Amino acid sequence: MYHGWQLHKCESEKIHEITIQFHNDLFPDTLLTRRIMAPIKEMFDRSIHGILFSEKTSHELMPRLAKLSKLDSIDYFLEITSILFDMAVSTDQQKLSTYTVDYDTFKDYDKMKIVYDYVQENYAEKITLEAISKVVNMSSISFNRFIKKRTGKTLVNYLNDIRIGYAARWLVENDMTISEAAYKSGFNNIANFNRKFKTFKKCTPSQYKEGFFGMKRIL
């Protein structure tokens, strides 16, 4: 899924990012289908939605992740496999979004990228079908078919999914109030926000915020 690391105007020296990249063929299907690799395979399948791991897991794995770049050959492979396994079986994992798109299958990748960027920049504002259709030079009818084919959702559900995703993150990361998260994510009606949140997250915003660190293990 699309992602970005944004610090805005934060000047804290305590924030540090570690990015680890590996080739798709590092873990071929013949390996992932082995029973012992099942937790990692299932985590990879879930990762298309983005996964937030608990603070406890993050702190435990941080020293190992920092040392990973200093390893090579079989030592690197064994350690990254071990780290991924520990991540896969850790508790309190949280799926970050219900939205996902398989861009490799898209014939209109550029158009979908434009739509995605437009929504990311304007999700807090009112986005009309006519306005977003013009951005990709399509009629409203054609755009309706386009977005449904590419995301499996109507424009309204696509927008609400993005907005609820941001609101959910702010509730737990920034400790925002429900009304603050609702308005900042583009909802002008708290009752409507609560209904949509429950539809997408299967719980109320209050329950989500209060139960975040006690969520059941996802495997």
Protein backbone atom coordinates (compact mmCIF):
# COMPACT_ATOMS: atom_id res chain seq x y z
CA MET A 1 0.00 0.00 0.00
CA TYR A 2 1.12 3.57 -0.49
CA HIS A 3 2.92 4.95 2.51
CA GLY A 4 5.11 7.87 3.46
CA TRP A 5 7.17 8.97 6.42
CA GLN A 6 6.15 12.49 7.42
CA LEU A 7 7.47 14.41 10.40
CA HIS A 8 5.92 17.76 9.45
CA LYS A 9 7.63 20.33 11.71
CA CYS A 10 8.69 17.90 14.41
CA GLU A 11 12.19 18.67 15.71
CA SER A 12 12.51 15.79 18.15
CA GLU A 13 15.78 13.90 17.96
CA LYS A 14 14.13 10.79 19.43
CA ILE A 15 12.45 9.82 16.17
CA HIS A 16 14.44 7.44 14.00
CA GLU A 17 13.49 5.43 10.94
CA ILE A 18 14.93 2.10 9.83
CA THR A 19 14.00 0.88 6.36
CA ILE A 20 14.74 -2.70 5.36
CA GLN A 21 14.18 -3.82 1.80
CA PHE A 22 14.57 -7.28 0.34
CA HIS A 23 13.84 -8.91 -3.01
CA ASN A 24 10.54 -10.70 -3.53
CA ASP A 25 12.39 -13.91 -4.29
CA LEU A 26 14.21 -13.95 -0.94
CA PHE A 27 11.25 -15.96 0.37
CA PRO A 28 9.96 -17.99 -2.60
CA ASP A 29 6.58 -19.72 -2.49
CA THR A 30 8.28 -23.08 -2.12
CA LEU A 31 9.69 -21.85 1.18
CA LEU A 32 6.65 -19.91 2.40
CA THR A 33 4.37 -22.91 1.90
CA ARG A 34 6.35 -24.87 4.48
CA ARG A 35 4.42 -25.30 7.72
CA ILE A 36 7.14 -23.66 9.79
CA MET A 37 6.87 -20.51 7.63
CA ALA A 38 3.07 -20.24 7.89
CA PRO A 39 3.06 -17.31 10.39
CA ILE A 40 5.35 -15.26 8.13
CA LYS A 41 3.30 -16.04 5.02
CA GLU A 42 0.09 -15.02 6.80
CA MET A 43 1.74 -11.78 7.94
CA PHE A 44 2.86 -11.03 4.39
CA ASP A 45 -0.73 -11.56 3.24
CA ARG A 46 -2.01 -9.13 5.88
CA SER A 47 0.69 -6.58 5.16
CA ILE A 48 -1.08 -5.28 2.05
CA HIS A 49 -3.23 -3.34 4.52
CA GLY A 50 -0.27 -2.14 6.59
CA ILE A 51 0.39 -3.50 10.09
CA LEU A 52 1.08 -1.56 13.26
CA PHE A 53 2.95 -3.58 15.89
CA SER A 54 2.75 -2.96 19.61
CA GLU A 55 5.17 -0.71 21.44
CA LYS A 56 6.44 -3.73 23.35
CA THR A 57 7.25 -5.63 20.15
CA SER A 58 8.89 -2.56 18.62
CA HIS A 59 11.18 -2.00 21.59
CA GLU A 60 12.15 -5.67 21.75
CA LEU A 61 13.06 -5.84 18.05
CA MET A 62 14.67 -2.42 17.69
CA PRO A 63 18.24 -3.48 18.66
CA ARG A 64 18.09 -6.45 16.27
CA LEU A 65 16.79 -4.31 13.43
CA ALA A 66 19.56 -1.78 13.99
CA LYS A 67 22.22 -4.51 13.76
CA LEU A 68 20.70 -6.19 10.70
CA SER A 69 22.49 -3.93 8.20
CA LYS A 70 25.83 -5.10 9.56
CA LEU A 71 25.12 -8.72 8.69
CA ASP A 72 25.48 -10.44 5.35
CA SER A 73 25.26 -13.84 3.72
CA ILE A 74 23.57 -16.60 5.72
CA ASP A 75 23.73 -14.59 8.96
CA TYR A 76 21.55 -11.90 7.40
CA PHE A 77 19.03 -14.39 6.04
CA LEU A 78 18.72 -16.27 9.32
CA GLU A 79 18.32 -13.11 11.39
CA ILE A 80 15.77 -11.41 9.12
CA THR A 81 13.78 -14.64 9.03
CA SER A 82 13.90 -14.81 12.82
CA ILE A 83 12.81 -11.16 13.13
CA LEU A 84 9.93 -11.64 10.71
CA PHE A 85 8.80 -14.74 12.59
CA ASP A 86 8.84 -12.89 15.91
CA MET A 87 6.83 -10.07 14.33
CA ALA A 88 4.35 -12.53 12.86
CA VAL A 89 3.59 -14.26 16.16
CA SER A 90 3.61 -11.11 18.29
CA THR A 91 0.44 -9.96 20.04
CA ASP A 92 -1.55 -6.72 19.69
CA GLN A 93 -1.07 -6.29 15.96
CA GLN A 94 -3.34 -3.75 14.30
CA LYS A 95 -4.36 -3.65 10.65
CA LEU A 96 -4.02 -0.04 9.52
CA SER A 97 -6.44 0.05 6.62
CA THR A 98 -9.15 -1.94 4.90
CA TYR A 99 -8.11 -0.27 1.64
CA THR A 100 -5.80 -2.06 -0.74
CA VAL A 101 -5.14 -1.97 -4.46
CA ASP A 102 -3.13 -4.36 -6.60
CA TYR A 103 -1.41 -1.84 -8.84
CA ASP A 104 0.48 -4.47 -10.81
CA THR A 105 -2.75 -5.48 -12.52
CA PHE A 106 -3.84 -1.97 -13.42
CA LYS A 107 -3.88 -0.77 -17.01
CA ASP A 108 -4.63 2.76 -15.75
CA TYR A 109 -1.99 3.02 -13.06
CA ASP A 110 -1.31 6.71 -13.76
CA LYS A 111 -4.96 7.65 -13.39
CA MET A 112 -5.33 5.75 -10.14
CA LYS A 113 -2.17 7.38 -8.82
CA ILE A 114 -3.65 10.81 -9.62
CA VAL A 115 -6.87 9.88 -7.82
CA TYR A 116 -4.95 8.60 -4.82
CA ASP A 117 -2.79 11.73 -4.58
CA TYR A 118 -5.82 14.00 -4.96
CA VAL A 119 -7.68 12.23 -2.16
CA GLN A 120 -4.63 12.27 0.13
CA GLU A 121 -4.34 16.03 -0.34
CA ASN A 122 -8.04 16.83 -0.02
CA TYR A 123 -9.66 14.13 2.14
CA ALA A 124 -10.42 16.66 4.90
CA GLU A 125 -12.44 18.76 2.44
CA LYS A 126 -15.63 18.00 0.57
CA ILE A 127 -14.76 15.93 -2.51
CA THR A 128 -17.48 15.76 -5.14
CA LEU A 129 -17.81 13.22 -7.92
CA GLU A 130 -17.72 15.99 -10.49
CA ALA A 131 -14.53 17.52 -9.11
CA ILE A 132 -12.54 14.31 -8.87
CA SER A 133 -13.78 13.18 -12.30
CA LYS A 134 -12.36 16.32 -13.86
CA VAL A 135 -8.97 15.66 -12.26
CA VAL A 136 -8.57 12.55 -14.43
CA ASN A 137 -10.49 13.98 -17.42
CA MET A 138 -13.37 11.51 -17.17
CA SER A 139 -17.13 11.86 -17.10
CA SER A 140 -18.86 11.17 -13.80
CA ILE A 141 -20.38 7.97 -15.17
CA SER A 142 -17.04 6.70 -16.48
CA PHE A 143 -15.29 7.60 -13.23
CA ASN A 144 -17.89 5.71 -11.20
CA ARG A 145 -17.11 2.57 -13.18
CA PHE A 146 -13.38 3.27 -12.99
CA ILE A 147 -13.16 3.63 -9.20
CA LYS A 148 -15.40 0.62 -8.58
CA LYS A 149 -13.31 -1.56 -10.89
CA ARG A 150 -9.99 -0.41 -9.44
CA THR A 151 -10.83 -0.46 -5.72
CA GLY A 152 -13.96 -2.59 -5.43
CA LYS A 153 -15.67 0.38 -3.73
CA THR A 154 -17.89 3.28 -4.66
CA LEU A 155 -16.32 6.73 -4.42
CA VAL A 156 -18.16 7.42 -1.17
CA ASN A 157 -16.94 4.19 0.46
CA TYR A 158 -13.43 4.74 -0.87
CA LEU A 159 -13.30 8.23 0.65
CA ASN A 160 -14.80 7.08 3.95
CA ASP A 161 -12.27 4.25 4.16
CA ILE A 162 -9.39 6.70 3.77
CA ARG A 163 -10.88 9.15 6.25
CA ILE A 164 -11.66 6.52 8.88
CA GLY A 165 -8.13 5.16 8.49
CA TYR A 166 -6.65 8.55 9.33
CA ALA A 167 -9.08 9.14 12.19
CA ALA A 168 -8.33 5.73 13.74
CA ARG A 169 -4.61 6.43 13.61
CA TRP A 170 -4.99 9.85 15.24
CA LEU A 171 -7.15 8.43 18.02
CA VAL A 172 -4.37 6.10 19.16
CA GLU A 173 -1.20 7.88 18.04
CA ASN A 174 -2.05 11.51 18.80
CA ASP A 175 -4.61 10.86 21.55
CA MET A 176 -7.12 13.13 19.80
CA THR A 177 -10.67 13.41 21.03
CA ILE A 178 -13.30 11.74 18.89
CA SER A 179 -14.65 15.08 17.68
CA GLU A 180 -11.16 16.31 16.79
CA ALA A 181 -10.40 13.18 14.77
CA ALA A 182 -13.79 13.32 13.08
CA TYR A 183 -13.53 16.91 11.89
CA LYS A 184 -9.88 16.69 10.93
CA SER A 185 -10.55 13.63 8.78
CA GLY A 186 -13.37 15.33 6.87
CA PHE A 187 -16.55 14.45 8.79
CA ASN A 188 -18.74 17.40 9.74
CA ASN A 189 -21.24 15.33 11.70
CA ILE A 190 -20.19 13.33 14.76
CA ALA A 191 -23.16 10.97 14.56
CA ASN A 192 -22.33 10.15 10.94
CA PHE A 193 -18.67 9.69 11.85
CA ASN A 194 -19.58 7.25 14.62
CA ARG A 195 -21.78 5.23 12.25
CA LYS A 196 -19.13 5.07 9.53
CA PHE A 197 -16.39 4.24 12.01
CA LYS A 198 -18.38 1.32 13.38
CA THR A 199 -19.09 0.10 9.85
CA PHE A 200 -15.40 0.02 8.91
CA LYS A 201 -13.81 -0.88 12.26
CA LYS A 202 -16.60 -3.02 13.77
CA CYS A 203 -16.53 -0.98 16.97
CA THR A 204 -17.20 2.57 18.12
CA PRO A 205 -14.40 5.17 18.17
CA SER A 206 -14.41 5.05 21.98
CA GLN A 207 -14.09 1.27 22.04
CA TYR A 208 -11.32 1.41 19.44
CA LYS A 209 -9.35 3.98 21.40
CA GLU A 210 -9.82 2.31 24.79
CA GLY A 211 -9.15 -1.20 23.58
CA PHE A 212 -6.26 -0.55 21.22
CA PHE A 213 -3.53 -2.00 23.40
CA GLY A 214 -5.70 -4.89 24.48
CA MET A 215 -6.69 -6.08 21.05
CA LYS A 216 -6.69 -9.80 20.39
CA ARG A 217 -3.81 -11.45 18.66
CA ILE A 218 -4.20 -11.46 14.91
CA LEU A 219 -2.99 -14.63 13.22
